[in-house]
């Protein structure tokens, strides 16, 4: 089984590998599937600023992989798009900004979304990204006084004191997005549905 992932970033590829190790027996396959990183464009900004934009970025990465496989006659079984970004709500007049990790998985015909939980950003960090337009990966490096956080624990790790790393957030999203494939009995159409 070959799983194409729309990124070459190590936390994303490791997240897919870990997710597949967990769900592999549910698919009935043994061994480790090949996880192939292919850099494709998400079609959204570096830091998506809404749930809709995160979802669109993940889906567009998976769809770009699907097109690429067809053009090159690749025999990839599943296509995974991953996108992390922000979503916000206003509660009692106060803005609350959350970091979320999204996955979109398709077999080239049907596709499904999965999402990690969300972790609230400190207002100072949210301000840098939303009002000052600083990319989250740059802002979190500045905020934490470190370099290369994106390819290590990510903003997730910084904000949760490494109790939840970026890779883990994406792993949860990937497991959730694959659910309709490995648990298809639960996702069958409703009787009488068209």
C-alpha atoms as a PDB file:
ATOM      1  CA  UNK A   1       0.000   0.000   0.000  1.00  0.00           C
ATOM      2  CA  UNK A   2       1.346   3.419  -0.969  1.00  0.00           C
ATOM      3  CA  UNK A   3       0.083   6.539   0.759  1.00  0.00           C
ATOM      4  CA  UNK A   4       0.989   9.835  -0.892  1.00  0.00           C
ATOM      5  CA  UNK A   5       1.205  12.850   1.423  1.00  0.00           C
ATOM      6  CA  UNK A   6       1.131  16.386   0.057  1.00  0.00           C
ATOM      7  CA  UNK A   7       4.206  17.548   1.977  1.00  0.00           C
ATOM      8  CA  UNK A   8       7.834  16.700   2.672  1.00  0.00           C
ATOM      9  CA  UNK A   9       7.739  18.057   6.239  1.00  0.00           C
ATOM     10  CA  UNK A  10       8.929  15.450   8.711  1.00  0.00           C
ATOM     11  CA  UNK A  11       6.205  15.985  11.385  1.00  0.00           C
ATOM     12  CA  UNK A  12       3.507  15.499   8.749  1.00  0.00           C
ATOM     13  CA  UNK A  13       5.077  12.369   7.244  1.00  0.00           C
ATOM     14  CA  UNK A  14       5.720  10.880  10.693  1.00  0.00           C
ATOM     15  CA  UNK A  15       2.128  11.637  11.698  1.00  0.00           C
ATOM     16  CA  UNK A  16       0.800   9.688   8.703  1.00  0.00           C
ATOM     17  CA  UNK A  17       3.192   6.800   9.378  1.00  0.00           C
ATOM     18  CA  UNK A  18       2.077   6.626  13.031  1.00  0.00           C
ATOM     19  CA  UNK A  19      -1.600   6.846  12.087  1.00  0.00           C
ATOM     20  CA  UNK A  20      -1.214   4.028   9.569  1.00  0.00           C
ATOM     21  CA  UNK A  21       0.556   1.837  12.132  1.00  0.00           C
ATOM     22  CA  UNK A  22      -2.510   2.219  14.360  1.00  0.00           C
ATOM     23  CA  UNK A  23      -5.189   1.764  11.703  1.00  0.00           C
ATOM     24  CA  UNK A  24      -3.392  -0.801   9.510  1.00  0.00           C
ATOM     25  CA  UNK A  25      -4.912  -3.813  11.300  1.00  0.00           C
ATOM     26  CA  UNK A  26      -8.388  -2.262  10.802  1.00  0.00           C
ATOM     27  CA  UNK A  27      -7.684  -2.315   7.055  1.00  0.00           C
ATOM     28  CA  UNK A  28      -6.493  -5.882   7.304  1.00  0.00           C
ATOM     29  CA  UNK A  29      -2.971  -5.236   6.088  1.00  0.00           C
ATOM     30  CA  UNK A  30       0.197  -6.200   7.837  1.00  0.00           C
ATOM     31  CA  UNK A  31       3.554  -4.565   7.492  1.00  0.00           C
ATOM     32  CA  UNK A  32       4.213  -0.899   7.059  1.00  0.00           C
ATOM     33  CA  UNK A  33       2.636   0.994   4.165  1.00  0.00           C
ATOM     34  CA  UNK A  34       4.945   3.172   2.096  1.00  0.00           C
ATOM     35  CA  UNK A  35       4.442   6.833   2.979  1.00  0.00           C
ATOM     36  CA  UNK A  36       5.583   9.006   0.106  1.00  0.00           C
ATOM     37  CA  UNK A  37       6.045  12.746   0.610  1.00  0.00           C
ATOM     38  CA  UNK A  38       5.313  14.856  -2.457  1.00  0.00           C
ATOM     39  CA  UNK A  39       5.431  18.630  -2.125  1.00  0.00           C
ATOM     40  CA  UNK A  40       2.283  20.165  -3.596  1.00  0.00           C
ATOM     41  CA  UNK A  41       0.702  23.564  -3.204  1.00  0.00           C
ATOM     42  CA  UNK A  42      -2.201  23.965  -0.810  1.00  0.00           C
ATOM     43  CA  UNK A  43      -3.687  26.914  -2.693  1.00  0.00           C
ATOM     44  CA  UNK A  44      -4.164  28.770   0.613  1.00  0.00           C
ATOM     45  CA  UNK A  45      -2.030  31.185   2.624  1.00  0.00           C
ATOM     46  CA  UNK A  46       1.001  30.106   4.673  1.00  0.00           C
ATOM     47  CA  UNK A  47      -1.125  30.420   7.805  1.00  0.00           C
ATOM     48  CA  UNK A  48      -4.764  29.677   7.011  1.00  0.00           C
ATOM     49  CA  UNK A  49      -6.901  32.061   9.057  1.00  0.00           C
ATOM     50  CA  UNK A  50     -10.166  30.119   9.230  1.00  0.00           C
ATOM     51  CA  UNK A  51     -11.450  26.588   9.569  1.00  0.00           C
ATOM     52  CA  UNK A  52     -12.735  26.786   5.989  1.00  0.00           C
ATOM     53  CA  UNK A  53      -9.316  27.788   4.677  1.00  0.00           C
ATOM     54  CA  UNK A  54      -7.611  24.953   6.623  1.00  0.00           C
ATOM     55  CA  UNK A  55     -10.089  22.445   5.221  1.00  0.00           C
ATOM     56  CA  UNK A  56      -9.724  23.804   1.686  1.00  0.00           C
ATOM     57  CA  UNK A  57      -5.912  23.643   1.920  1.00  0.00           C
ATOM     58  CA  UNK A  58      -5.948  20.027   3.096  1.00  0.00           C
ATOM     59  CA  UNK A  59      -8.419  19.004   0.376  1.00  0.00           C
ATOM     60  CA  UNK A  60      -6.540  20.857  -2.370  1.00  0.00           C
ATOM     61  CA  UNK A  61      -3.275  19.153  -1.403  1.00  0.00           C
ATOM     62  CA  UNK A  62      -4.938  15.714  -1.654  1.00  0.00           C
ATOM     63  CA  UNK A  63      -6.606  16.621  -4.953  1.00  0.00           C
ATOM     64  CA  UNK A  64      -3.278  17.861  -6.372  1.00  0.00           C
ATOM     65  CA  UNK A  65      -1.746  14.487  -5.484  1.00  0.00           C
ATOM     66  CA  UNK A  66      -4.634  12.673  -7.165  1.00  0.00           C
ATOM     67  CA  UNK A  67      -4.103  14.666 -10.382  1.00  0.00           C
ATOM     68  CA  UNK A  68      -0.345  14.084 -10.228  1.00  0.00           C
ATOM     69  CA  UNK A  69      -0.818  10.325  -9.817  1.00  0.00           C
ATOM     70  CA  UNK A  70      -3.136  10.195 -12.826  1.00  0.00           C
ATOM     71  CA  UNK A  71      -0.756  12.261 -14.969  1.00  0.00           C
ATOM     72  CA  UNK A  72       2.238  10.087 -14.066  1.00  0.00           C
ATOM     73  CA  UNK A  73       0.369   6.758 -13.901  1.00  0.00           C
ATOM     74  CA  UNK A  74       1.375   6.278 -10.268  1.00  0.00           C
ATOM     75  CA  UNK A  75      -0.266   3.481  -8.293  1.00  0.00           C
ATOM     76  CA  UNK A  76      -0.772   5.358  -5.039  1.00  0.00           C
ATOM     77  CA  UNK A  77      -3.634   3.963  -2.972  1.00  0.00           C
ATOM     78  CA  UNK A  78      -4.541   6.973  -0.831  1.00  0.00           C
ATOM     79  CA  UNK A  79      -3.847  10.680  -0.991  1.00  0.00           C
ATOM     80  CA  UNK A  80      -3.431  12.711   2.205  1.00  0.00           C
ATOM     81  CA  UNK A  81      -3.525  16.472   2.472  1.00  0.00           C
ATOM     82  CA  UNK A  82      -2.610  18.088   5.787  1.00  0.00           C
ATOM     83  CA  UNK A  83      -3.076  21.712   6.764  1.00  0.00           C
ATOM     84  CA  UNK A  84      -2.617  23.496  10.056  1.00  0.00           C
ATOM     85  CA  UNK A  85      -3.997  26.929  10.737  1.00  0.00           C
ATOM     86  CA  UNK A  86      -6.204  29.091  12.868  1.00  0.00           C
ATOM     87  CA  UNK A  87      -9.883  29.377  13.608  1.00  0.00           C
ATOM     88  CA  UNK A  88     -11.542  31.861  15.897  1.00  0.00           C
ATOM     89  CA  UNK A  89     -14.779  32.592  17.638  1.00  0.00           C
ATOM     90  CA  UNK A  90     -16.061  35.579  19.559  1.00  0.00           C
ATOM     91  CA  UNK A  91     -17.300  34.702  23.024  1.00  0.00           C
ATOM     92  CA  UNK A  92     -18.807  37.400  25.252  1.00  0.00           C
ATOM     93  CA  UNK A  93     -17.185  40.036  23.055  1.00  0.00           C
ATOM     94  CA  UNK A  94     -13.716  38.478  23.348  1.00  0.00           C
ATOM     95  CA  UNK A  95     -11.900  36.885  20.414  1.00  0.00           C
ATOM     96  CA  UNK A  96     -10.592  33.376  21.059  1.00  0.00           C
ATOM     97  CA  UNK A  97      -8.143  32.023  18.467  1.00  0.00           C
ATOM     98  CA  UNK A  98      -7.396  28.313  18.132  1.00  0.00           C
ATOM     99  CA  UNK A  99      -4.692  26.375  16.324  1.00  0.00           C
ATOM    100  CA  UNK A 100      -6.134  23.343  14.520  1.00  0.00           C
ATOM    101  CA  UNK A 101      -4.665  20.592  12.360  1.00  0.00           C
ATOM    102  CA  UNK A 102      -6.772  19.229   9.495  1.00  0.00           C
ATOM    103  CA  UNK A 103      -6.456  16.184   7.234  1.00  0.00           C
ATOM    104  CA  UNK A 104      -8.256  15.247   4.045  1.00  0.00           C
ATOM    105  CA  UNK A 105      -7.906  11.660   2.807  1.00  0.00           C
ATOM    106  CA  UNK A 106      -9.138  10.365  -0.531  1.00  0.00           C
ATOM    107  CA  UNK A 107      -8.818   7.165  -2.503  1.00  0.00           C
ATOM    108  CA  UNK A 108      -9.212   9.225  -5.670  1.00  0.00           C
ATOM    109  CA  UNK A 109     -12.995   8.882  -5.624  1.00  0.00           C
ATOM    110  CA  UNK A 110     -14.302   9.527  -2.127  1.00  0.00           C
ATOM    111  CA  UNK A 111     -12.707  11.816   0.413  1.00  0.00           C
ATOM    112  CA  UNK A 112     -13.148  12.638   4.077  1.00  0.00           C
ATOM    113  CA  UNK A 113     -11.934  15.184   6.616  1.00  0.00           C
ATOM    114  CA  UNK A 114     -10.436  14.710  10.044  1.00  0.00           C
ATOM    115  CA  UNK A 115      -9.409  17.310  12.618  1.00  0.00           C
ATOM    116  CA  UNK A 116      -7.288  17.378  15.710  1.00  0.00           C
ATOM    117  CA  UNK A 117      -8.467  19.167  18.770  1.00  0.00           C
ATOM    118  CA  UNK A 118      -7.705  22.841  19.070  1.00  0.00           C
ATOM    119  CA  UNK A 119      -5.378  24.731  21.361  1.00  0.00           C
ATOM    120  CA  UNK A 120      -6.019  28.362  22.203  1.00  0.00           C
ATOM    121  CA  UNK A 121      -3.348  30.876  21.215  1.00  0.00           C
ATOM    122  CA  UNK A 122      -2.189  33.534  23.645  1.00  0.00           C
ATOM    123  CA  UNK A 123      -3.616  36.885  22.543  1.00  0.00           C
ATOM    124  CA  UNK A 124      -0.116  38.312  21.928  1.00  0.00           C
ATOM    125  CA  UNK A 125       0.671  35.493  19.481  1.00  0.00           C
ATOM    126  CA  UNK A 126      -2.742  35.732  17.821  1.00  0.00           C
ATOM    127  CA  UNK A 127      -2.206  39.493  17.414  1.00  0.00           C
ATOM    128  CA  UNK A 128       1.124  38.943  15.611  1.00  0.00           C
ATOM    129  CA  UNK A 129      -0.482  36.554  13.130  1.00  0.00           C
ATOM    130  CA  UNK A 130      -3.890  38.162  12.608  1.00  0.00           C
ATOM    131  CA  UNK A 131      -3.209  41.891  12.893  1.00  0.00           C
ATOM    132  CA  UNK A 132       0.464  42.092  11.938  1.00  0.00           C
ATOM    133  CA  UNK A 133       0.256  39.420   9.214  1.00  0.00           C
ATOM    134  CA  UNK A 134       3.266  37.454  10.472  1.00  0.00           C
ATOM    135  CA  UNK A 135       3.304  33.804   9.373  1.00  0.00           C
ATOM    136  CA  UNK A 136       2.606  31.512  12.351  1.00  0.00           C
ATOM    137  CA  UNK A 137       5.897  29.598  11.966  1.00  0.00           C
ATOM    138  CA  UNK A 138       7.851  32.881  12.215  1.00  0.00           C
ATOM    139  CA  UNK A 139       5.660  34.263  14.991  1.00  0.00           C
ATOM    140  CA  UNK A 140       5.983  31.134  17.156  1.00  0.00           C
ATOM    141  CA  UNK A 141       9.781  31.155  16.732  1.00  0.00           C
ATOM    142  CA  UNK A 142       9.831  34.802  17.874  1.00  0.00           C
ATOM    143  CA  UNK A 143       7.306  34.145  20.635  1.00  0.00           C
ATOM    144  CA  UNK A 144       9.228  31.167  22.035  1.00  0.00           C
ATOM    145  CA  UNK A 145      12.717  32.564  21.360  1.00  0.00           C
ATOM    146  CA  UNK A 146      13.720  29.579  19.250  1.00  0.00           C
ATOM    147  CA  UNK A 147      14.284  28.677  15.592  1.00  0.00           C
ATOM    148  CA  UNK A 148      12.754  25.894  13.480  1.00  0.00           C
ATOM    149  CA  UNK A 149       9.858  25.078  15.778  1.00  0.00           C
ATOM    150  CA  UNK A 150       7.662  24.228  12.777  1.00  0.00           C
ATOM    151  CA  UNK A 151       9.823  21.206  11.927  1.00  0.00           C
ATOM    152  CA  UNK A 152      10.145  20.114  15.541  1.00  0.00           C
ATOM    153  CA  UNK A 153       7.346  20.208  18.121  1.00  0.00           C
ATOM    154  CA  UNK A 154       5.480  23.005  16.322  1.00  0.00           C
ATOM    155  CA  UNK A 155       3.287  25.638  17.929  1.00  0.00           C
ATOM    156  CA  UNK A 156       1.318  22.780  19.476  1.00  0.00           C
ATOM    157  CA  UNK A 157       4.404  21.694  21.429  1.00  0.00           C
ATOM    158  CA  UNK A 158       5.318  25.211  22.531  1.00  0.00           C
ATOM    159  CA  UNK A 159       1.800  25.993  23.754  1.00  0.00           C
ATOM    160  CA  UNK A 160       1.226  22.635  25.505  1.00  0.00           C
ATOM    161  CA  UNK A 161       4.754  22.367  27.001  1.00  0.00           C
ATOM    162  CA  UNK A 162       5.322  19.410  24.652  1.00  0.00           C
ATOM    163  CA  UNK A 163       2.369  17.409  25.935  1.00  0.00           C
ATOM    164  CA  UNK A 164       0.950  17.590  22.392  1.00  0.00           C
ATOM    165  CA  UNK A 165       3.396  18.014  19.515  1.00  0.00           C
ATOM    166  CA  UNK A 166       2.516  19.075  15.975  1.00  0.00           C
ATOM    167  CA  UNK A 167       3.033  15.508  14.805  1.00  0.00           C
ATOM    168  CA  UNK A 168       0.521  14.166  17.351  1.00  0.00           C
ATOM    169  CA  UNK A 169      -2.091  16.737  16.333  1.00  0.00           C
ATOM    170  CA  UNK A 170      -1.755  15.687  12.688  1.00  0.00           C
ATOM    171  CA  UNK A 171      -1.793  11.984  13.670  1.00  0.00           C
ATOM    172  CA  UNK A 172      -5.193  12.427  15.318  1.00  0.00           C
ATOM    173  CA  UNK A 173      -6.513  14.258  12.244  1.00  0.00           C
ATOM    174  CA  UNK A 174      -5.271  11.497   9.911  1.00  0.00           C
ATOM    175  CA  UNK A 175      -6.813   8.693  11.999  1.00  0.00           C
ATOM    176  CA  UNK A 176     -10.116  10.589  11.971  1.00  0.00           C
ATOM    177  CA  UNK A 177     -10.011  11.257   8.209  1.00  0.00           C
ATOM    178  CA  UNK A 178      -9.323   7.586   7.430  1.00  0.00           C
ATOM    179  CA  UNK A 179     -12.241   6.399   9.617  1.00  0.00           C
ATOM    180  CA  UNK A 180     -14.794   6.102   6.761  1.00  0.00           C
ATOM    181  CA  UNK A 181     -12.322   3.824   4.934  1.00  0.00           C
ATOM    182  CA  UNK A 182     -11.294   1.495   7.769  1.00  0.00           C
ATOM    183  CA  UNK A 183     -14.697   1.579   9.482  1.00  0.00           C
ATOM    184  CA  UNK A 184     -16.867   1.629   6.357  1.00  0.00           C
ATOM    185  CA  UNK A 185     -19.626  -0.375   8.039  1.00  0.00           C
ATOM    186  CA  UNK A 186     -20.423   2.655  10.201  1.00  0.00           C
ATOM    187  CA  UNK A 187     -20.286   5.074   7.265  1.00  0.00           C
ATOM    188  CA  UNK A 188     -22.641   3.295   4.893  1.00  0.00           C
ATOM    189  CA  UNK A 189     -25.440   5.410   3.403  1.00  0.00           C
ATOM    190  CA  UNK A 190     -28.617   5.744   5.415  1.00  0.00           C
ATOM    191  CA  UNK A 191     -31.361   3.495   4.155  1.00  0.00           C
ATOM    192  CA  UNK A 192     -33.601   5.446   1.804  1.00  0.00           C
ATOM    193  CA  UNK A 193     -30.905   8.125   1.267  1.00  0.00           C
ATOM    194  CA  UNK A 194     -30.174   9.176  -2.295  1.00  0.00           C
END
